[in-house]
Amino acid sequence: MGKYFGTDGFRGEANIDLTVEHAYKVGRFLGYYYGKDRKANVVIGKDTRRSSYMFEYALVSGLTASGADVYLLHVTSTPSVSYLIRSENYDCGIMISASHNPYYDNGIKILNGSGYKLESEVEELIENYIDGEGLSIPYATREKIGKTTDYYIGRNRYIGYLISLATRSFSGMRVGLDCANGSASTIAKGVFDALGAKTYTINNEPNGTNINDGCGSTHIKTLQKYVVENQLDIGFAYDGDADRCLAVDDKGNIIDGDLILYVCGSYMKERGELNNNTIVTTIMSNIGLYKALDEKGISYVKTAVGDKYVYENMLENGHSIGGEQSGHIIFSKHATTGDGILTSLKIMEVILEKKMKLSDLIKDVYIYPQLLVNVKVKDKKTAREDNKVKEIINQVTSELGDEGRILVRESGTEPVIRVMVEAQSHELCKLHVDRVVEVLKQQGHVRND
């Protein structure tokens, strides 16, 4: 990770960690970088945060000042930006979003001309330019100054693409959608309605400050309750920029990314569509997923946390599905990033084609109890490399043996150490997580704010 860019772009609290000056300079650099040989064409989308408009205008100012032409999708999803880059040959795309973070955070996520997250070496060049250590970029003048085009129709083209991927009508299906008061609010209901579902939406009225607020994929109990109370067949919850999806089955159970990988991967194997008979996972995936895949005769690989690393592995090896427990699922035939709404359509395909309820499709998987605690720390690297911290991690690893595991890692987007334990009971999970957190406190790494 660089000074400003983490695993999912440049992210931080608006006008504190990420300012309009940062955004302007990012725009200036991208307009120059992609416009060396010809005028650059850049597409921009944003989520529903109040600060997204501010950053949009700053980015546009920088881009056009460097000579780029900019196309504005307005409120849309990250995967829609990626899709339009690929289908309409933009030089790059920008998504203004902090994903699942609270409304006061925001981020700049840059996608290259292939619709994939920007290369780290280009991010480093941007960081140098922001700090005044890079190029001196000239301003465009006269007819070379860039222009801005209102391009909301691009979002409609993406919606049409999603609808075209469905293999059957959703008629007769009662589907609940939690749009997280975010990007999915402009897309998801229209897709499900067009496919014939009886669609019920919640958290679909963004006001600039309610994105991810007690709703969406990070607060899925809201959707669980809604599905059960309204006797729905299934529910889907998205995050702020709609690049991840979690599901709720007909019984109100949470279907996380691991279970989605199992359901869709098994179906793809049956249809001969699981390239290399392999599913790409991350180190956060549950032991129960791997045991279930072993029973199905499906191979798997593990990457570092981040859909960026999942897709890199998929691209390098030709795998067709991969993803994260958090709900970032990538179907390489259709997308280069996680796509929450696409994922929900793929789950619907399995249910309808196999004529089975989602609760029946996952009945053979036993997910081990898991506890993840995010600990705010003063310095992630120092905390993670503390010898006392390493010592307690080794002790827990030894005690769990083959019936569990511990994973302690630095967050790629926040000043946080993530402590995760899987074990045979929730009590054991809590016991071991608490032991690690206590050592972090004793060593003075934990922030008190």
Protein backbone atom coordinates (compact mmCIF):
# COMPACT_ATOMS: atom_id res chain seq x y z
CA MET A 1 0.00 0.00 0.00
CA GLY A 2 1.12 3.52 -0.74
CA LYS A 3 0.90 6.76 1.20
CA TYR A 4 -2.61 7.59 -0.03
CA PHE A 5 -3.83 4.56 -1.99
CA GLY A 6 -4.86 1.39 -0.20
CA THR A 7 -6.33 -1.84 -1.54
CA ASP A 8 -9.45 -0.03 -2.72
CA GLY A 9 -8.30 3.41 -3.84
CA PHE A 10 -7.66 6.67 -2.00
CA ARG A 11 -10.02 6.69 0.99
CA GLY A 12 -10.50 8.73 4.15
CA GLU A 13 -12.70 11.21 5.95
CA ALA A 14 -13.89 13.89 3.53
CA ASN A 15 -11.90 17.14 3.76
CA ILE A 16 -9.68 15.70 6.49
CA ASP A 17 -7.80 12.71 5.05
CA LEU A 18 -9.12 13.18 1.51
CA THR A 19 -9.57 16.79 0.40
CA VAL A 20 -10.78 18.59 -2.71
CA GLU A 21 -7.17 19.55 -3.39
CA HIS A 22 -6.26 15.86 -3.48
CA ALA A 23 -9.11 15.19 -5.88
CA TYR A 24 -8.13 18.08 -8.14
CA LYS A 25 -4.55 16.83 -8.35
CA VAL A 26 -5.71 13.27 -9.07
CA GLY A 27 -7.75 14.67 -11.95
CA ARG A 28 -4.85 16.77 -13.20
CA PHE A 29 -2.55 13.76 -13.26
CA LEU A 30 -5.02 11.37 -14.91
CA GLY A 31 -5.91 13.89 -17.61
CA TYR A 32 -2.23 14.26 -18.40
CA TYR A 33 -1.28 10.57 -18.06
CA TYR A 34 -4.02 9.24 -20.34
CA GLY A 35 -3.83 12.19 -22.73
CA LYS A 36 -0.18 12.05 -23.75
CA ASP A 37 -0.90 10.94 -27.31
CA ARG A 38 -4.51 12.11 -27.74
CA LYS A 39 -7.34 13.68 -25.78
CA ALA A 40 -8.26 11.39 -22.87
CA ASN A 41 -11.85 10.25 -22.32
CA VAL A 42 -12.75 9.57 -18.69
CA VAL A 43 -16.03 8.34 -17.20
CA ILE A 44 -17.00 9.19 -13.60
CA GLY A 45 -19.61 7.71 -11.27
CA LYS A 46 -20.40 8.45 -7.64
CA ASP A 47 -22.39 7.11 -4.71
CA THR A 48 -24.90 9.04 -2.62
CA ARG A 49 -22.63 10.64 0.00
CA ARG A 50 -23.03 14.37 0.43
CA SER A 51 -19.33 14.90 -0.28
CA SER A 52 -19.45 12.92 -3.54
CA TYR A 53 -20.65 16.00 -5.44
CA MET A 54 -17.76 18.07 -4.08
CA PHE A 55 -15.19 15.49 -5.16
CA GLU A 56 -16.87 15.04 -8.53
CA TYR A 57 -16.51 18.75 -9.30
CA ALA A 58 -12.89 18.79 -8.11
CA LEU A 59 -11.97 15.79 -10.25
CA VAL A 60 -13.72 17.29 -13.29
CA SER A 61 -11.83 20.57 -12.80
CA GLY A 62 -8.50 18.77 -12.71
CA LEU A 63 -9.27 16.47 -15.64
CA THR A 64 -10.55 19.17 -17.97
CA ALA A 65 -7.71 21.52 -16.98
CA SER A 66 -5.34 18.82 -18.24
CA GLY A 67 -7.32 18.48 -21.46
CA ALA A 68 -9.47 15.38 -20.78
CA ASP A 69 -13.11 15.04 -21.81
CA VAL A 70 -15.26 13.79 -18.93
CA TYR A 71 -18.53 11.81 -19.00
CA LEU A 72 -20.66 11.94 -15.85
CA LEU A 73 -22.82 8.95 -14.91
CA HIS A 74 -23.96 10.64 -11.68
CA VAL A 75 -25.15 8.23 -8.92
CA THR A 76 -24.28 4.74 -10.08
CA SER A 77 -22.37 1.63 -9.00
CA THR A 78 -18.68 0.81 -9.22
CA PRO A 79 -19.28 -2.17 -11.55
CA SER A 80 -21.29 0.02 -13.92
CA VAL A 81 -18.25 2.28 -14.34
CA SER A 82 -16.09 -0.77 -15.04
CA TYR A 83 -18.61 -2.11 -17.56
CA LEU A 84 -18.79 1.16 -19.50
CA ILE A 85 -15.00 1.51 -19.63
CA ARG A 86 -14.82 -1.88 -21.32
CA SER A 87 -17.86 -1.56 -23.58
CA GLU A 88 -17.27 2.02 -24.73
CA ASN A 89 -13.47 2.17 -24.68
CA TYR A 90 -12.83 4.90 -22.12
CA ASP A 91 -9.21 5.49 -21.20
CA CYS A 92 -10.04 5.16 -17.53
CA GLY A 93 -12.86 5.52 -15.05
CA ILE A 94 -13.29 6.95 -11.58
CA MET A 95 -15.75 5.92 -8.88
CA ILE A 96 -16.26 8.33 -6.01
CA SER A 97 -17.18 6.15 -3.04
CA ALA A 98 -16.00 4.83 0.30
CA SER A 99 -17.94 1.61 -0.26
CA HIS A 100 -19.23 0.27 3.09
CA ASN A 101 -17.75 3.10 5.20
CA PRO A 102 -19.96 5.71 6.94
CA TYR A 103 -21.19 8.76 5.03
CA TYR A 104 -18.50 11.15 6.30
CA ASP A 105 -15.79 9.06 4.62
CA ASN A 106 -15.27 9.07 0.89
CA GLY A 107 -12.86 7.69 -1.66
CA ILE A 108 -11.50 7.89 -5.18
CA LYS A 109 -11.36 4.51 -6.87
CA ILE A 110 -9.60 4.55 -10.26
CA LEU A 111 -10.14 1.89 -12.92
CA ASN A 112 -7.81 1.51 -15.90
CA GLY A 113 -8.76 1.12 -19.56
CA SER A 114 -9.58 -2.56 -18.99
CA GLY A 115 -12.10 -1.72 -16.26
CA TYR A 116 -9.77 -3.12 -13.61
CA LYS A 117 -8.33 -1.38 -10.56
CA LEU A 118 -5.42 0.89 -11.38
CA GLU A 119 -1.90 -0.51 -11.36
CA SER A 120 0.09 0.22 -8.20
CA GLU A 121 2.94 1.82 -10.15
CA VAL A 122 0.53 4.43 -11.57
CA GLU A 123 -0.90 5.04 -8.10
CA GLU A 124 2.65 5.74 -6.93
CA LEU A 125 3.09 8.32 -9.69
CA ILE A 126 -0.14 10.02 -8.60
CA GLU A 127 1.05 10.09 -4.99
CA ASN A 128 4.32 11.71 -6.05
CA TYR A 129 2.43 14.34 -8.02
CA ILE A 130 0.14 15.09 -5.06
CA ASP A 131 3.21 15.65 -2.88
CA GLY A 132 4.89 17.87 -5.46
CA GLU A 133 7.59 15.30 -6.18
CA GLY A 134 6.53 14.35 -9.69
CA LEU A 135 5.97 16.03 -13.00
CA SER A 136 5.13 19.64 -13.66
CA ILE A 137 1.95 19.20 -15.68
CA PRO A 138 1.02 22.00 -18.09
CA TYR A 139 -2.51 23.37 -18.29
CA ALA A 140 -4.50 22.78 -21.44
CA THR A 141 -5.39 25.97 -23.30
CA ARG A 142 -7.87 27.14 -25.92
CA GLU A 143 -9.47 24.26 -27.86
CA LYS A 144 -7.40 21.70 -25.92
CA ILE A 145 -9.28 22.37 -22.66
CA GLY A 146 -11.52 19.41 -21.89
CA LYS A 147 -15.31 19.35 -21.79
CA THR A 148 -17.91 17.64 -19.61
CA THR A 149 -20.87 15.59 -20.86
CA ASP A 150 -23.92 14.53 -18.85
CA TYR A 151 -23.95 10.80 -19.54
CA TYR A 152 -26.62 9.27 -17.31
CA ILE A 153 -27.72 7.18 -20.31
CA GLY A 154 -24.60 5.10 -19.73
CA ARG A 155 -26.10 3.85 -16.49
CA ASN A 156 -29.21 2.77 -18.41
CA ARG A 157 -27.03 0.79 -20.81
CA TYR A 158 -25.51 -1.04 -17.87
CA ILE A 159 -29.00 -1.81 -16.53
CA GLY A 160 -29.91 -3.22 -19.93
CA TYR A 161 -26.79 -5.38 -19.86
CA LEU A 162 -27.71 -6.85 -16.48
CA ILE A 163 -31.23 -7.64 -17.64
CA SER A 164 -29.83 -9.41 -20.70
CA LEU A 165 -27.86 -11.85 -18.51
CA ALA A 166 -30.94 -13.42 -16.88
CA THR A 167 -31.75 -16.93 -18.13
CA ARG A 168 -35.35 -17.03 -16.85
CA SER A 169 -38.16 -14.73 -15.82
CA PHE A 170 -38.38 -13.94 -12.11
CA SER A 171 -42.17 -14.00 -12.27
CA GLY A 172 -43.71 -15.34 -9.07
CA MET A 173 -40.57 -14.68 -6.99
CA ARG A 174 -40.91 -12.39 -3.99
CA VAL A 175 -37.55 -10.62 -3.65
CA GLY A 176 -36.38 -8.17 -1.00
CA LEU A 177 -33.63 -5.63 -1.78
CA ASP A 178 -31.71 -3.61 0.80
CA CYS A 179 -30.07 -0.87 -1.26
CA ALA A 180 -28.07 0.59 1.67
CA ASN A 181 -29.29 4.08 0.68
CA GLY A 182 -26.44 3.96 -1.80
CA SER A 183 -25.65 3.32 -5.45
CA ALA A 184 -28.00 0.35 -5.79
CA SER A 185 -30.91 2.75 -5.23
CA THR A 186 -30.66 3.87 -8.87
CA ILE A 187 -30.31 0.39 -10.38
CA ALA A 188 -31.42 -2.70 -8.45
CA LYS A 189 -35.21 -2.35 -8.31
CA GLY A 190 -35.43 -1.49 -12.00
CA VAL A 191 -33.55 -4.67 -12.91
CA PHE A 192 -35.67 -6.98 -10.76
CA ASP A 193 -38.92 -5.31 -11.82
CA ALA A 194 -37.98 -5.68 -15.50
CA LEU A 195 -37.34 -9.40 -14.95
CA GLY A 196 -40.81 -9.90 -13.48
CA ALA A 197 -40.07 -10.22 -9.76
CA LYS A 198 -42.38 -8.93 -7.07
CA THR A 199 -39.79 -6.54 -5.67
CA TYR A 200 -39.75 -5.14 -2.15
CA THR A 201 -37.16 -2.49 -1.37
CA ILE A 202 -35.86 -1.07 1.88
CA ASN A 203 -33.25 1.64 2.53
CA ASN A 204 -33.82 2.97 -0.95
CA GLU A 205 -34.14 6.70 -0.16
CA PRO A 206 -30.67 8.24 0.12
CA ASN A 207 -30.33 11.71 1.64
CA GLY A 208 -26.56 12.14 1.59
CA THR A 209 -25.94 11.05 5.18
CA ASN A 210 -27.82 7.75 5.56
CA ILE A 211 -25.69 5.55 3.28
CA ASN A 212 -24.78 2.28 5.10
CA ASP A 213 -26.44 3.66 8.24
CA GLY A 214 -27.83 0.55 9.95
CA CYS A 215 -28.54 -1.00 6.57
CA GLY A 216 -27.06 -2.83 3.62
CA SER A 217 -24.61 -5.72 3.56
CA THR A 218 -22.77 -4.54 6.69
CA HIS A 219 -26.01 -4.48 8.75
CA ILE A 220 -27.83 -7.44 7.28
CA LYS A 221 -30.06 -8.14 10.29
CA THR A 222 -32.37 -5.45 8.94
CA LEU A 223 -32.94 -7.49 5.78
CA GLN A 224 -33.18 -10.78 7.68
CA LYS A 225 -36.08 -9.44 9.70
CA TYR A 226 -37.74 -7.98 6.62
CA VAL A 227 -37.53 -11.24 4.63
CA VAL A 228 -39.03 -13.29 7.45
CA GLU A 229 -41.79 -10.82 8.34
CA ASN A 230 -42.89 -10.48 4.72
CA GLN A 231 -42.45 -14.18 3.86
CA LEU A 232 -40.18 -13.43 0.92
CA ASP A 233 -38.43 -16.07 -1.17
CA ILE A 234 -35.06 -14.35 -0.95
CA GLY A 235 -33.38 -11.07 -0.08
CA PHE A 236 -30.25 -9.30 -1.29
CA ALA A 237 -28.25 -6.62 0.55
CA TYR A 238 -25.74 -4.36 -1.19
CA ASP A 239 -23.08 -2.00 0.10
CA GLY A 240 -22.65 1.71 -0.62
CA ASP A 241 -21.27 1.37 -4.16
CA ALA A 242 -23.04 -1.93 -4.93
CA ASP A 243 -19.93 -3.95 -5.70
CA ARG A 244 -20.73 -6.51 -3.03
CA CYS A 245 -23.79 -8.56 -2.20
CA LEU A 246 -24.93 -10.76 0.67
CA ALA A 247 -28.14 -12.77 0.55
CA VAL A 248 -30.81 -13.89 2.98
CA ASP A 249 -32.51 -17.21 2.24
CA ASP A 250 -36.20 -18.09 2.61
CA LYS A 251 -35.65 -19.02 6.26
CA GLY A 252 -33.90 -15.76 7.14
CA ASN A 253 -30.37 -17.20 7.22
CA ILE A 254 -27.42 -15.08 6.09
CA ILE A 255 -25.77 -16.29 2.90
CA ASP A 256 -22.33 -14.70 2.93
CA GLY A 257 -19.71 -14.61 0.20
CA ASP A 258 -18.37 -18.07 1.07
CA LEU A 259 -21.79 -19.64 0.67
CA ILE A 260 -22.39 -17.69 -2.54
CA LEU A 261 -19.13 -19.06 -3.93
CA TYR A 262 -20.27 -22.57 -2.96
CA VAL A 263 -23.74 -22.24 -4.53
CA CYS A 264 -22.62 -20.59 -7.76
CA GLY A 265 -19.35 -22.54 -8.07
CA SER A 266 -21.12 -25.90 -7.63
CA TYR A 267 -23.71 -24.92 -10.24
CA MET A 268 -21.00 -23.82 -12.67
CA LYS A 269 -19.20 -27.15 -12.19
CA GLU A 270 -22.41 -29.03 -13.02
CA ARG A 271 -22.75 -27.01 -16.23
CA GLY A 272 -19.11 -27.37 -17.24
CA GLU A 273 -18.48 -23.65 -16.71
CA LEU A 274 -16.06 -23.83 -13.77
CA ASN A 275 -12.73 -23.19 -15.47
CA ASN A 276 -9.88 -25.32 -14.09
CA ASN A 277 -12.41 -26.78 -11.61
CA THR A 278 -11.21 -24.04 -9.28
CA ILE A 279 -12.73 -21.30 -7.12
CA VAL A 280 -10.56 -18.36 -6.03
CA THR A 281 -11.00 -17.39 -2.36
CA THR A 282 -9.13 -15.20 0.12
CA ILE A 283 -7.44 -16.07 3.38
CA MET A 284 -10.63 -14.92 5.18
CA SER A 285 -12.80 -17.73 3.79
CA ASN A 286 -14.23 -20.16 6.31
CA ILE A 287 -12.84 -23.64 6.92
CA GLY A 288 -16.37 -24.93 6.33
CA LEU A 289 -16.30 -23.71 2.73
CA TYR A 290 -13.12 -25.66 2.01
CA LYS A 291 -14.47 -28.85 3.57
CA ALA A 292 -17.66 -28.54 1.48
CA LEU A 293 -15.68 -27.91 -1.71
CA ASP A 294 -13.54 -30.97 -0.96
CA GLU A 295 -16.74 -33.03 -0.79
CA LYS A 296 -17.78 -31.68 -4.19
CA GLY A 297 -14.37 -32.36 -5.70
CA ILE A 298 -13.80 -28.67 -6.38
CA SER A 299 -10.33 -27.16 -6.05
CA TYR A 300 -9.58 -23.75 -4.59
CA VAL A 301 -6.81 -21.21 -4.17
CA LYS A 302 -6.35 -18.52 -1.52
CA THR A 303 -5.22 -14.94 -2.11
CA ALA A 304 -4.63 -11.92 0.10
CA VAL A 305 -7.76 -10.03 1.19
CA GLY A 306 -9.15 -7.73 -1.51
CA ASP A 307 -11.08 -8.37 -4.70
CA LYS A 308 -8.11 -6.77 -6.47
CA TYR A 309 -5.98 -9.79 -5.57
CA VAL A 310 -8.77 -12.22 -6.33
CA TYR A 311 -9.14 -10.87 -9.85
CA GLU A 312 -5.38 -10.81 -10.43
CA ASN A 313 -5.29 -14.53 -9.69
CA MET A 314 -8.35 -15.20 -11.85
CA LEU A 315 -6.88 -13.25 -14.75
CA GLU A 316 -3.47 -14.90 -14.51
CA ASN A 317 -4.85 -18.44 -14.33
CA GLY A 318 -8.09 -18.23 -16.30
CA HIS A 319 -10.42 -19.01 -13.39
CA SER A 320 -14.10 -18.19 -13.82
CA ILE A 321 -15.31 -17.36 -10.30
CA GLY A 322 -13.75 -15.96 -7.17
CA GLY A 323 -14.55 -13.70 -4.30
CA GLU A 324 -14.53 -12.71 -0.68
CA GLN A 325 -16.55 -13.66 2.36
CA SER A 326 -17.71 -10.02 2.51
CA GLY A 327 -19.66 -10.45 -0.73
CA HIS A 328 -17.29 -9.23 -3.44
CA ILE A 329 -17.93 -11.94 -6.05
CA ILE A 330 -16.35 -11.83 -9.50
CA PHE A 331 -17.67 -13.71 -12.52
CA SER A 332 -14.84 -13.26 -15.02
CA LYS A 333 -17.05 -13.99 -18.04
CA HIS A 334 -19.12 -10.90 -17.26
CA ALA A 335 -17.07 -8.50 -15.12
CA THR A 336 -13.59 -7.48 -13.95
CA THR A 337 -14.70 -6.34 -10.49
CA GLY A 338 -17.09 -7.47 -7.80
CA ASP A 339 -20.68 -6.70 -8.85
CA GLY A 340 -23.40 -7.01 -6.21
CA ILE A 341 -26.40 -6.86 -8.53
CA LEU A 342 -24.83 -9.27 -11.02
CA THR A 343 -24.15 -11.64 -8.11
CA SER A 344 -27.79 -11.53 -7.05
CA LEU A 345 -28.85 -12.36 -10.63
CA LYS A 346 -26.48 -15.32 -10.68
CA ILE A 347 -27.94 -16.64 -7.42
CA MET A 348 -31.43 -16.25 -8.89
CA GLU A 349 -30.29 -18.25 -11.91
CA VAL A 350 -29.21 -21.18 -9.75
CA ILE A 351 -32.48 -21.14 -7.77
CA LEU A 352 -34.67 -21.01 -10.86
CA GLU A 353 -32.72 -23.44 -13.03
CA LYS A 354 -32.40 -26.05 -10.26
CA LYS A 355 -35.92 -25.36 -8.94
CA MET A 356 -34.59 -25.31 -5.37
CA LYS A 357 -34.81 -22.90 -2.48
CA LEU A 358 -31.60 -21.19 -1.44
CA SER A 359 -31.84 -22.78 2.00
CA ASP A 360 -31.71 -26.23 0.35
CA LEU A 361 -28.76 -25.30 -1.85
CA ILE A 362 -26.54 -24.60 1.18
CA LYS A 363 -27.74 -27.35 3.54
CA ASP A 364 -24.59 -29.48 3.08
CA VAL A 365 -22.23 -26.71 4.20
CA TYR A 366 -21.28 -26.34 7.84
CA ILE A 367 -19.84 -22.90 8.48
CA TYR A 368 -17.55 -22.81 11.51
CA PRO A 369 -18.33 -20.13 14.10
CA GLN A 370 -16.22 -17.10 13.36
CA LEU A 371 -15.58 -13.85 15.18
CA LEU A 372 -13.96 -10.81 13.60
CA VAL A 373 -13.05 -7.79 15.73
CA ASN A 374 -11.67 -4.55 14.32
CA VAL A 375 -9.24 -2.88 16.70
CA LYS A 376 -8.38 0.77 16.09
CA VAL A 377 -4.64 1.18 16.55
CA LYS A 378 -2.09 3.99 16.53
CA ASP A 379 0.10 2.33 13.90
CA LYS A 380 -0.93 -0.84 12.06
CA LYS A 381 2.54 -2.02 11.10
CA THR A 382 4.04 -1.48 14.56
CA ALA A 383 1.15 -3.30 16.24
CA ARG A 384 1.28 -6.25 13.86
CA GLU A 385 5.05 -6.70 14.24
CA ASP A 386 5.11 -6.45 18.05
CA ASN A 387 6.82 -9.58 19.43
CA LYS A 388 4.27 -9.95 22.25
CA VAL A 389 1.45 -9.83 19.70
CA LYS A 390 3.19 -12.44 17.56
CA GLU A 391 3.67 -14.61 20.63
CA ILE A 392 -0.04 -14.69 21.56
CA ILE A 393 -0.99 -15.37 17.93
CA ASN A 394 1.34 -18.39 17.89
CA GLN A 395 -0.14 -19.65 21.18
CA VAL A 396 -3.70 -19.45 19.86
CA THR A 397 -2.67 -21.15 16.60
CA SER A 398 -1.15 -24.04 18.51
CA GLU A 399 -4.19 -24.47 20.78
CA LEU A 400 -6.69 -24.46 17.89
CA GLY A 401 -4.79 -27.04 15.85
CA ASP A 402 -6.81 -28.47 12.93
CA GLU A 403 -10.14 -27.45 14.45
CA GLY A 404 -9.84 -23.73 13.91
CA ARG A 405 -7.55 -20.88 12.97
CA ILE A 406 -6.59 -17.32 13.81
CA LEU A 407 -5.87 -14.53 11.36
CA VAL A 408 -4.52 -11.13 12.44
CA ARG A 409 -3.96 -8.62 9.66
CA GLU A 410 -3.80 -4.93 8.86
CA SER A 411 -6.81 -3.31 7.20
CA GLY A 412 -6.09 -1.99 3.74
CA THR A 413 -8.48 0.96 4.09
CA GLU A 414 -8.64 1.93 7.80
CA PRO A 415 -6.30 2.43 10.83
CA VAL A 416 -7.37 -0.96 12.10
CA ILE A 417 -5.98 -4.37 13.00
CA ARG A 418 -8.47 -7.12 12.18
CA VAL A 419 -8.47 -10.09 14.57
CA MET A 420 -10.38 -13.12 13.29
CA VAL A 421 -10.80 -16.53 14.94
CA GLU A 422 -12.64 -19.63 13.71
CA ALA A 423 -13.30 -22.40 16.20
CA GLN A 424 -15.81 -25.08 17.14
CA SER A 425 -17.89 -22.70 19.26
CA HIS A 426 -18.62 -19.00 19.56
CA GLU A 427 -17.30 -19.11 23.13
CA LEU A 428 -13.90 -20.32 21.96
CA CYS A 429 -13.82 -17.68 19.24
CA LYS A 430 -14.47 -14.91 21.76
CA LEU A 431 -11.96 -16.31 24.25
CA HIS A 432 -9.11 -16.29 21.73
CA VAL A 433 -9.99 -12.94 20.13
CA ASP A 434 -10.13 -11.33 23.57
CA ARG A 435 -6.67 -12.69 24.39
CA VAL A 436 -5.15 -11.01 21.33
CA VAL A 437 -7.00 -7.72 21.88
CA GLU A 438 -5.85 -7.62 25.50
CA VAL A 439 -2.21 -7.96 24.44
CA LEU A 440 -2.67 -5.14 21.91
CA LYS A 441 -4.01 -2.99 24.75
CA GLN A 442 -1.24 -3.94 27.17
CA GLN A 443 1.40 -3.06 24.57
CA GLY A 444 -0.13 0.39 24.12
CA HIS A 445 -1.20 0.00 20.48
CA VAL A 446 -4.93 0.64 20.87
CA ARG A 447 -6.36 4.10 20.24
CA ASN A 448 -8.70 5.52 22.88
CA ASP A 449 -10.77 7.75 20.57
